[in-house]
């Protein structure tokens, strides 16, 4: 009888310890922000939010300062109306992207809308690009400038045209 009671007390004590440990570990998520729920730039580019438009993974690819450059990335419209995004580099308009509601438009790459311009900065730097929409206003973002060193970008760097 004493053994049965002792075994029962040990089991109850162990269950209590497990329950307390579970509560202590679960409490971490109650007091700390869940990092994976935060929006972030998952690759080499930058992210920007402008009203209902989200720009994702924006990068500029070029071989050198003053050479042809290509914008890469995507624009997503979370709204219910089509929105046109105007993109400028300094005072030079470099392109527009029309994004229908609940749609993502790719820019650059093999299948995306081509937006090319002359690079203001060399690879390794950043170039300020201004994104503007009617309803969302405008926002200037510092976009990284990369070259074709990384294999995934090697075929996307624009080459100068022969004159």
Protein backbone atom coordinates (compact mmCIF):
# COMPACT_ATOMS: atom_id res chain seq x y z
CA UNK A 1 0.00 0.00 0.00
CA UNK A 2 2.83 2.37 0.80
CA UNK A 3 4.47 1.62 -2.55
CA UNK A 4 1.28 2.34 -4.49
CA UNK A 5 0.81 5.67 -2.70
CA UNK A 6 4.50 6.60 -3.24
CA UNK A 7 4.25 5.72 -6.96
CA UNK A 8 1.08 7.80 -7.28
CA UNK A 9 2.73 10.79 -5.59
CA UNK A 10 5.72 10.53 -7.92
CA UNK A 11 3.45 10.45 -10.97
CA UNK A 12 1.46 13.45 -9.74
CA UNK A 13 4.65 15.36 -9.01
CA UNK A 14 6.05 14.53 -12.46
CA UNK A 15 2.80 15.61 -14.12
CA UNK A 16 2.92 18.90 -12.20
CA UNK A 17 6.50 19.55 -13.27
CA UNK A 18 5.62 18.81 -16.92
CA UNK A 19 2.58 21.12 -16.74
CA UNK A 20 4.62 23.95 -15.22
CA UNK A 21 7.37 23.51 -17.82
CA UNK A 22 4.76 23.62 -20.59
CA UNK A 23 3.26 26.83 -19.24
CA UNK A 24 6.68 28.43 -18.85
CA UNK A 25 7.68 27.58 -22.41
CA UNK A 26 4.34 28.66 -23.88
CA UNK A 27 4.59 31.95 -22.01
CA UNK A 28 7.53 33.01 -24.19
CA UNK A 29 5.28 33.53 -27.19
CA UNK A 30 2.81 35.49 -25.10
CA UNK A 31 5.39 38.08 -24.11
CA UNK A 32 7.64 38.09 -27.20
CA UNK A 33 6.69 39.12 -30.72
CA UNK A 34 6.50 36.26 -33.21
CA UNK A 35 9.26 37.09 -35.67
CA UNK A 36 7.91 35.06 -38.57
CA UNK A 37 4.72 37.15 -38.56
CA UNK A 38 6.69 40.30 -39.44
CA UNK A 39 7.07 41.32 -43.11
CA UNK A 40 10.70 41.37 -44.22
CA UNK A 41 12.91 41.38 -47.32
CA UNK A 42 13.60 37.72 -47.92
CA UNK A 43 16.30 38.18 -50.55
CA UNK A 44 18.85 40.72 -51.78
CA UNK A 45 16.35 43.49 -52.47
CA UNK A 46 14.29 45.89 -50.41
CA UNK A 47 10.61 46.01 -49.55
CA UNK A 48 8.34 49.07 -49.50
CA UNK A 49 4.66 49.67 -48.75
CA UNK A 50 2.83 52.51 -50.44
CA UNK A 51 -0.88 52.44 -49.65
CA UNK A 52 -2.35 49.26 -51.16
CA UNK A 53 0.84 48.61 -53.16
CA UNK A 54 3.68 46.50 -51.79
CA UNK A 55 7.00 46.49 -53.63
CA UNK A 56 9.00 43.33 -52.98
CA UNK A 57 12.66 42.47 -53.51
CA UNK A 58 13.58 45.60 -55.49
CA UNK A 59 17.13 45.55 -56.82
CA UNK A 60 18.97 47.29 -59.64
CA UNK A 61 21.28 45.19 -61.82
CA UNK A 62 24.08 46.83 -63.80
CA UNK A 63 27.67 46.16 -64.83
CA UNK A 64 28.98 49.61 -63.85
CA UNK A 65 28.03 53.18 -63.01
CA UNK A 66 26.79 54.90 -66.18
CA UNK A 67 25.98 51.55 -67.84
CA UNK A 68 22.50 50.25 -68.64
CA UNK A 69 20.63 49.11 -65.52
CA UNK A 70 17.52 47.00 -65.01
CA UNK A 71 15.05 47.12 -62.15
CA UNK A 72 14.06 43.72 -60.71
CA UNK A 73 11.31 42.93 -58.21
CA UNK A 74 7.54 42.70 -57.90
CA UNK A 75 4.58 44.95 -57.14
CA UNK A 76 1.47 43.59 -55.40
CA UNK A 77 -1.88 45.40 -55.19
CA UNK A 78 -3.88 44.48 -52.06
CA UNK A 79 -6.65 46.94 -52.95
CA UNK A 80 -9.86 46.74 -54.95
CA UNK A 81 -8.92 49.14 -57.78
CA UNK A 82 -6.13 49.11 -60.36
CA UNK A 83 -3.18 51.30 -59.40
CA UNK A 84 -0.33 52.63 -61.55
CA UNK A 85 3.08 52.92 -59.89
CA UNK A 86 5.42 55.56 -61.34
CA UNK A 87 9.13 54.98 -60.78
CA UNK A 88 11.74 57.73 -60.97
CA UNK A 89 15.49 57.82 -60.47
CA UNK A 90 16.41 61.31 -59.35
CA UNK A 91 14.39 63.52 -61.69
CA UNK A 92 14.23 60.97 -64.53
CA UNK A 93 11.06 58.92 -64.96
CA UNK A 94 12.22 55.35 -65.65
CA UNK A 95 8.90 53.54 -65.94
CA UNK A 96 5.39 52.77 -64.80
CA UNK A 97 3.74 49.56 -63.69
CA UNK A 98 -0.04 49.05 -63.75
CA UNK A 99 -1.14 46.61 -61.04
CA UNK A 100 -4.68 45.26 -61.14
CA UNK A 101 -6.49 44.52 -57.86
CA UNK A 102 -5.36 41.39 -55.99
CA UNK A 103 -2.53 40.92 -58.50
CA UNK A 104 1.26 40.79 -58.49
CA UNK A 105 3.27 42.16 -61.41
CA UNK A 106 6.86 40.99 -61.84
CA UNK A 107 9.45 43.49 -63.00
CA UNK A 108 12.57 42.29 -64.79
CA UNK A 109 13.71 38.71 -64.91
CA UNK A 110 12.93 36.58 -67.93
CA UNK A 111 9.17 37.13 -67.91
CA UNK A 112 8.55 40.41 -66.07
CA UNK A 113 7.96 43.94 -67.34
CA UNK A 114 11.27 45.45 -68.48
CA UNK A 115 12.30 48.72 -66.82
CA UNK A 116 15.77 49.87 -67.89
CA UNK A 117 17.66 53.09 -67.30
CA UNK A 118 21.21 54.38 -66.86
CA UNK A 119 22.82 53.42 -63.55
CA UNK A 120 23.57 56.38 -61.26
CA UNK A 121 25.67 54.23 -58.92
CA UNK A 122 28.12 51.35 -59.23
CA UNK A 123 27.40 47.81 -58.04
CA UNK A 124 27.83 47.56 -54.29
CA UNK A 125 26.08 50.87 -53.66
CA UNK A 126 22.47 51.90 -53.44
CA UNK A 127 20.39 54.10 -55.70
CA UNK A 128 17.39 56.11 -54.53
CA UNK A 129 14.24 55.30 -56.48
CA UNK A 130 10.96 57.12 -55.91
CA UNK A 131 7.76 55.09 -56.14
CA UNK A 132 4.56 57.09 -56.56
CA UNK A 133 0.88 56.21 -56.78
CA UNK A 134 -2.13 58.50 -56.84
CA UNK A 135 -3.84 57.15 -53.71
CA UNK A 136 -0.69 56.15 -51.80
CA UNK A 137 1.46 59.23 -52.37
CA UNK A 138 5.19 58.77 -52.96
CA UNK A 139 8.08 57.11 -51.18
CA UNK A 140 11.83 57.13 -51.89
CA UNK A 141 13.63 53.86 -51.18
CA UNK A 142 17.35 53.06 -51.25
CA UNK A 143 17.59 50.15 -53.67
CA UNK A 144 20.73 47.97 -53.71
CA UNK A 145 22.77 47.96 -56.92
CA UNK A 146 24.17 44.55 -57.85
CA UNK A 147 26.08 43.10 -60.78
CA UNK A 148 26.21 39.64 -62.35
CA UNK A 149 28.60 38.15 -59.79
CA UNK A 150 25.85 35.98 -58.30
CA UNK A 151 24.82 33.26 -60.77
CA UNK A 152 21.10 33.99 -60.39
CA UNK A 153 21.67 37.54 -61.70
CA UNK A 154 24.36 36.87 -64.33
CA UNK A 155 21.94 36.64 -67.27
CA UNK A 156 19.78 39.56 -66.10
CA UNK A 157 22.39 42.32 -66.19
CA UNK A 158 21.69 44.46 -69.28
CA UNK A 159 24.52 44.85 -71.76
CA UNK A 160 25.36 48.11 -73.56
CA UNK A 161 24.01 48.29 -77.09
CA UNK A 162 26.48 48.82 -79.91
CA UNK A 163 26.33 52.27 -81.43
